[in-house]
């Protein structure tokens, strides 16, 4: 993560504070989650062009969220189909099927 993207909590401290360390860790977790999602989407042949970590909100609130952005309806339908296949594979029966 570039130095400019890391949360800044006070410029006068020589060593980062516990809060700074916690925020940096949360930001790194969001970056990792974003990377995992983008790789899964790539494997499925799906592109969500607006995916990204909301760093500004994270610095304000301490909650670094992965913003999925906007997508065309056909891309959303494709994503839903891939999720459904994954759910069916986990449960070993079609979603919505009765016992």
N, C-alpha and C. Protein backbone atom coordinates (compact mmCIF):
# COMPACT_ATOMS: atom_id res chain seq x y z
N UNK A 1 0.86 -1.17 0.00
CA UNK A 1 0.00 0.00 0.00
C UNK A 1 0.90 1.23 0.00
N UNK A 2 0.73 2.18 -0.93
CA UNK A 2 1.54 3.38 -0.95
C UNK A 2 1.39 4.15 0.35
N UNK A 3 2.47 4.81 0.76
CA UNK A 3 2.46 5.57 2.01
C UNK A 3 1.32 6.57 2.06
N UNK A 4 1.00 7.22 0.93
CA UNK A 4 -0.05 8.24 0.92
C UNK A 4 -1.43 7.65 1.19
N UNK A 5 -1.62 6.33 0.96
CA UNK A 5 -2.92 5.68 1.19
C UNK A 5 -3.09 5.20 2.62
N UNK A 6 -2.02 5.12 3.35
CA UNK A 6 -2.11 4.64 4.72
C UNK A 6 -2.79 5.68 5.60
N UNK A 7 -3.59 5.23 6.56
CA UNK A 7 -4.24 6.17 7.47
C UNK A 7 -3.21 6.96 8.25
N UNK A 8 -3.45 8.24 8.41
CA UNK A 8 -2.54 9.09 9.18
C UNK A 8 -3.25 9.53 10.45
N UNK A 9 -2.61 9.28 11.56
CA UNK A 9 -3.17 9.67 12.84
C UNK A 9 -2.09 10.46 13.56
N UNK A 10 -2.08 11.75 13.36
CA UNK A 10 -1.10 12.62 14.01
C UNK A 10 0.26 12.55 13.32
N UNK A 11 0.80 13.67 12.96
CA UNK A 11 2.07 13.72 12.22
C UNK A 11 3.26 13.82 13.16
N UNK A 12 3.06 14.17 14.41
CA UNK A 12 4.17 14.48 15.30
C UNK A 12 4.71 13.25 16.03
N UNK A 13 4.02 12.16 16.00
CA UNK A 13 4.47 10.97 16.69
C UNK A 13 5.57 10.30 15.89
N UNK A 14 6.63 9.86 16.58
CA UNK A 14 7.70 9.17 15.88
C UNK A 14 7.29 7.77 15.50
N UNK A 15 6.59 7.07 16.38
CA UNK A 15 6.14 5.72 16.09
C UNK A 15 4.64 5.74 15.89
N UNK A 16 4.15 4.91 14.97
CA UNK A 16 2.71 4.87 14.75
C UNK A 16 1.97 4.45 16.01
N UNK A 17 0.83 5.04 16.22
CA UNK A 17 0.01 4.70 17.37
C UNK A 17 -0.68 3.36 17.16
N UNK A 18 -1.26 2.84 18.22
CA UNK A 18 -2.04 1.61 18.13
C UNK A 18 -3.21 1.80 17.17
N UNK A 19 -3.84 2.97 17.21
CA UNK A 19 -4.96 3.26 16.31
C UNK A 19 -4.49 3.22 14.85
N UNK A 20 -3.36 3.84 14.60
CA UNK A 20 -2.80 3.85 13.24
C UNK A 20 -2.54 2.43 12.76
N UNK A 21 -1.96 1.62 13.62
CA UNK A 21 -1.68 0.22 13.28
C UNK A 21 -2.98 -0.53 13.00
N UNK A 22 -3.99 -0.33 13.82
CA UNK A 22 -5.28 -1.00 13.63
C UNK A 22 -5.92 -0.59 12.31
N UNK A 23 -5.91 0.72 12.00
CA UNK A 23 -6.50 1.20 10.75
C UNK A 23 -5.74 0.65 9.54
N UNK A 24 -4.42 0.61 9.64
CA UNK A 24 -3.62 0.07 8.54
C UNK A 24 -3.94 -1.40 8.33
N UNK A 25 -4.12 -2.14 9.42
CA UNK A 25 -4.45 -3.55 9.32
C UNK A 25 -5.82 -3.73 8.66
N UNK A 26 -6.80 -2.92 9.06
CA UNK A 26 -8.14 -3.01 8.46
C UNK A 26 -8.09 -2.68 6.98
N UNK A 27 -7.29 -1.71 6.60
CA UNK A 27 -7.15 -1.34 5.19
C UNK A 27 -6.51 -2.48 4.41
N UNK A 28 -5.50 -3.13 4.98
CA UNK A 28 -4.85 -4.26 4.32
C UNK A 28 -5.82 -5.43 4.17
N UNK A 29 -6.69 -5.65 5.17
CA UNK A 29 -7.69 -6.70 5.07
C UNK A 29 -8.66 -6.42 3.92
N UNK A 30 -9.07 -5.17 3.78
CA UNK A 30 -9.97 -4.80 2.68
C UNK A 30 -9.27 -4.98 1.34
N UNK A 31 -8.00 -4.61 1.25
CA UNK A 31 -7.23 -4.80 0.01
C UNK A 31 -7.16 -6.28 -0.35
N UNK A 32 -6.94 -7.14 0.65
CA UNK A 32 -6.87 -8.58 0.40
C UNK A 32 -8.21 -9.12 -0.06
N UNK A 33 -9.29 -8.68 0.57
CA UNK A 33 -10.63 -9.13 0.18
C UNK A 33 -10.94 -8.70 -1.25
N UNK A 34 -10.56 -7.48 -1.60
CA UNK A 34 -10.76 -6.99 -2.96
C UNK A 34 -9.99 -7.86 -3.96
N UNK A 35 -8.76 -8.21 -3.63
CA UNK A 35 -7.94 -9.03 -4.53
C UNK A 35 -8.55 -10.42 -4.73
N UNK A 36 -9.06 -11.01 -3.65
CA UNK A 36 -9.70 -12.33 -3.74
C UNK A 36 -10.94 -12.25 -4.63
N UNK A 37 -11.74 -11.21 -4.42
CA UNK A 37 -12.95 -11.03 -5.24
C UNK A 37 -12.59 -10.84 -6.71
N UNK A 38 -11.63 -9.97 -6.99
CA UNK A 38 -11.27 -9.71 -8.38
C UNK A 38 -10.74 -10.97 -9.07
N UNK A 39 -9.99 -11.79 -8.34
CA UNK A 39 -9.49 -13.04 -8.92
C UNK A 39 -10.65 -13.99 -9.21
N UNK A 40 -11.60 -14.12 -8.29
CA UNK A 40 -12.76 -14.99 -8.52
C UNK A 40 -13.59 -14.49 -9.70
N UNK A 41 -13.78 -13.19 -9.78
CA UNK A 41 -14.52 -12.62 -10.91
C UNK A 41 -13.78 -12.87 -12.22
N UNK A 42 -12.47 -12.75 -12.20
CA UNK A 42 -11.67 -13.00 -13.40
C UNK A 42 -11.83 -14.44 -13.86
N UNK A 43 -11.78 -15.37 -12.91
CA UNK A 43 -11.94 -16.79 -13.24
C UNK A 43 -13.32 -17.07 -13.83
N UNK A 44 -14.33 -16.31 -13.39
CA UNK A 44 -15.69 -16.49 -13.89
C UNK A 44 -15.94 -15.70 -15.17
N UNK A 45 -14.95 -14.91 -15.59
CA UNK A 45 -15.13 -14.11 -16.80
C UNK A 45 -16.04 -12.91 -16.60
N UNK A 46 -16.09 -12.41 -15.36
CA UNK A 46 -16.96 -11.28 -15.03
C UNK A 46 -16.10 -10.08 -14.69
N UNK A 47 -16.48 -8.92 -15.22
CA UNK A 47 -15.77 -7.68 -14.94
C UNK A 47 -16.72 -6.71 -14.25
N UNK A 48 -16.34 -6.31 -13.03
CA UNK A 48 -17.02 -5.22 -12.33
C UNK A 48 -16.01 -4.07 -12.28
N UNK A 49 -16.12 -3.11 -13.19
CA UNK A 49 -15.07 -2.10 -13.35
C UNK A 49 -14.93 -1.12 -12.20
N UNK A 50 -15.91 -1.05 -11.34
CA UNK A 50 -15.86 -0.04 -10.28
C UNK A 50 -15.49 -0.60 -8.91
N UNK A 51 -15.07 -1.86 -8.84
CA UNK A 51 -14.70 -2.45 -7.55
C UNK A 51 -13.49 -1.71 -6.99
N UNK A 52 -13.55 -1.41 -5.69
CA UNK A 52 -12.42 -0.76 -5.05
C UNK A 52 -12.66 -0.56 -3.57
N UNK A 53 -11.58 -0.40 -2.82
CA UNK A 53 -11.67 -0.14 -1.39
C UNK A 53 -11.98 1.33 -1.18
N UNK A 54 -12.98 1.61 -0.37
CA UNK A 54 -13.36 2.99 -0.04
C UNK A 54 -12.45 3.49 1.07
N UNK A 55 -11.29 4.01 0.66
CA UNK A 55 -10.28 4.46 1.63
C UNK A 55 -10.70 5.72 2.38
N UNK A 56 -11.36 6.62 1.71
CA UNK A 56 -11.77 7.86 2.38
C UNK A 56 -12.73 7.56 3.52
N UNK A 57 -13.72 6.73 3.27
CA UNK A 57 -14.67 6.36 4.33
C UNK A 57 -13.95 5.59 5.43
N UNK A 58 -13.01 4.76 5.06
CA UNK A 58 -12.25 4.00 6.05
C UNK A 58 -11.45 4.90 6.97
N UNK A 59 -10.83 5.92 6.41
CA UNK A 59 -10.05 6.84 7.24
C UNK A 59 -10.96 7.64 8.17
N UNK A 60 -12.17 7.94 7.71
CA UNK A 60 -13.11 8.69 8.55
C UNK A 60 -13.73 7.82 9.64
N UNK A 61 -14.09 6.58 9.28
CA UNK A 61 -14.89 5.77 10.19
C UNK A 61 -14.14 4.59 10.81
N UNK A 62 -13.03 4.18 10.19
CA UNK A 62 -12.34 2.99 10.65
C UNK A 62 -12.86 1.72 10.01
N UNK A 63 -13.89 1.85 9.17
CA UNK A 63 -14.46 0.70 8.47
C UNK A 63 -14.07 0.79 6.99
N UNK A 64 -13.13 -0.03 6.59
CA UNK A 64 -12.71 -0.07 5.19
C UNK A 64 -13.60 -1.06 4.47
N UNK A 65 -14.43 -0.56 3.58
CA UNK A 65 -15.39 -1.39 2.86
C UNK A 65 -14.94 -1.57 1.41
N UNK A 66 -15.26 -2.72 0.85
CA UNK A 66 -15.01 -2.95 -0.57
C UNK A 66 -16.28 -2.55 -1.29
N UNK A 67 -16.18 -1.51 -2.10
CA UNK A 67 -17.31 -1.01 -2.87
C UNK A 67 -17.38 -1.79 -4.17
N UNK A 68 -18.52 -2.44 -4.41
CA UNK A 68 -18.67 -3.24 -5.62
C UNK A 68 -19.05 -2.39 -6.83
N UNK A 69 -19.45 -1.15 -6.60
CA UNK A 69 -19.75 -0.25 -7.71
C UNK A 69 -21.01 -0.61 -8.45
N UNK A 70 -21.14 -0.06 -9.61
CA UNK A 70 -22.31 -0.27 -10.47
C UNK A 70 -21.96 -1.25 -11.58
N UNK A 71 -22.98 -1.96 -12.06
CA UNK A 71 -22.77 -2.91 -13.16
C UNK A 71 -24.02 -2.97 -14.03
N UNK A 72 -23.81 -3.32 -15.28
CA UNK A 72 -24.94 -3.48 -16.20
C UNK A 72 -25.81 -4.65 -15.74
N UNK A 73 -27.09 -4.63 -16.06
CA UNK A 73 -27.98 -5.74 -15.66
C UNK A 73 -27.51 -7.11 -16.15
N UNK A 74 -26.96 -7.20 -17.34
CA UNK A 74 -26.50 -8.50 -17.84
C UNK A 74 -25.31 -9.02 -17.03
N UNK A 75 -24.46 -8.13 -16.57
CA UNK A 75 -23.33 -8.54 -15.74
C UNK A 75 -23.82 -9.00 -14.37
N UNK A 76 -24.80 -8.30 -13.82
CA UNK A 76 -25.38 -8.69 -12.53
C UNK A 76 -26.03 -10.07 -12.65
N UNK A 77 -26.75 -10.32 -13.75
CA UNK A 77 -27.37 -11.63 -13.97
C UNK A 77 -26.30 -12.72 -14.09
N UNK A 78 -25.20 -12.40 -14.76
CA UNK A 78 -24.10 -13.36 -14.89
C UNK A 78 -23.49 -13.66 -13.52
N UNK A 79 -23.29 -12.63 -12.71
CA UNK A 79 -22.76 -12.80 -11.36
C UNK A 79 -23.71 -13.65 -10.51
N UNK A 80 -25.01 -13.38 -10.60
CA UNK A 80 -26.00 -14.16 -9.85
C UNK A 80 -25.97 -15.63 -10.27
N UNK A 81 -25.81 -15.89 -11.55
CA UNK A 81 -25.76 -17.27 -12.03
C UNK A 81 -24.54 -18.00 -11.47
N UNK A 82 -23.40 -17.32 -11.40
CA UNK A 82 -22.19 -17.94 -10.87
C UNK A 82 -22.36 -18.20 -9.37
N UNK A 83 -22.95 -17.27 -8.65
CA UNK A 83 -23.19 -17.47 -7.22
C UNK A 83 -24.13 -18.65 -7.01
N UNK A 84 -25.18 -18.71 -7.80
CA UNK A 84 -26.14 -19.81 -7.68
C UNK A 84 -25.45 -21.16 -7.92
N UNK A 85 -24.60 -21.25 -8.94
CA UNK A 85 -23.86 -22.48 -9.20
C UNK A 85 -22.97 -22.86 -8.01
N UNK A 86 -22.35 -21.87 -7.42
CA UNK A 86 -21.51 -22.13 -6.24
C UNK A 86 -22.31 -22.62 -5.06
N UNK A 87 -23.48 -22.03 -4.84
CA UNK A 87 -24.35 -22.46 -3.75
C UNK A 87 -24.84 -23.89 -4.00
N UNK A 88 -25.23 -24.18 -5.23
CA UNK A 88 -25.68 -25.52 -5.58
C UNK A 88 -24.57 -26.55 -5.40
N UNK A 89 -23.36 -26.19 -5.78
CA UNK A 89 -22.23 -27.11 -5.63
C UNK A 89 -21.96 -27.39 -4.15
N UNK A 90 -22.10 -26.39 -3.31
CA UNK A 90 -21.89 -26.58 -1.87
C UNK A 90 -22.96 -27.47 -1.26
N UNK A 91 -24.19 -27.28 -1.67
CA UNK A 91 -25.29 -28.02 -1.07
C UNK A 91 -25.57 -29.34 -1.79
N UNK A 92 -24.94 -29.56 -2.92
CA UNK A 92 -25.11 -30.77 -3.73
C UNK A 92 -26.55 -30.98 -4.18
N UNK A 93 -27.34 -29.94 -4.22
CA UNK A 93 -28.68 -30.03 -4.79
C UNK A 93 -29.04 -28.66 -5.37
N UNK A 94 -29.87 -28.61 -6.38
CA UNK A 94 -30.25 -27.32 -6.99
C UNK A 94 -30.91 -26.39 -5.98
N UNK A 95 -30.56 -25.14 -6.03
CA UNK A 95 -31.17 -24.14 -5.15
C UNK A 95 -32.64 -24.05 -5.49
N UNK A 96 -33.48 -24.08 -4.47
CA UNK A 96 -34.91 -24.00 -4.69
C UNK A 96 -35.57 -25.35 -4.82
N UNK A 97 -34.75 -26.42 -4.91
CA UNK A 97 -35.32 -27.77 -5.03
C UNK A 97 -35.85 -28.22 -3.67
N UNK A 98 -36.92 -28.96 -3.69
CA UNK A 98 -37.47 -29.48 -2.44
C UNK A 98 -36.96 -30.88 -2.20
N UNK A 99 -36.95 -31.28 -0.95
CA UNK A 99 -36.40 -32.59 -0.56
C UNK A 99 -37.26 -33.74 -1.02
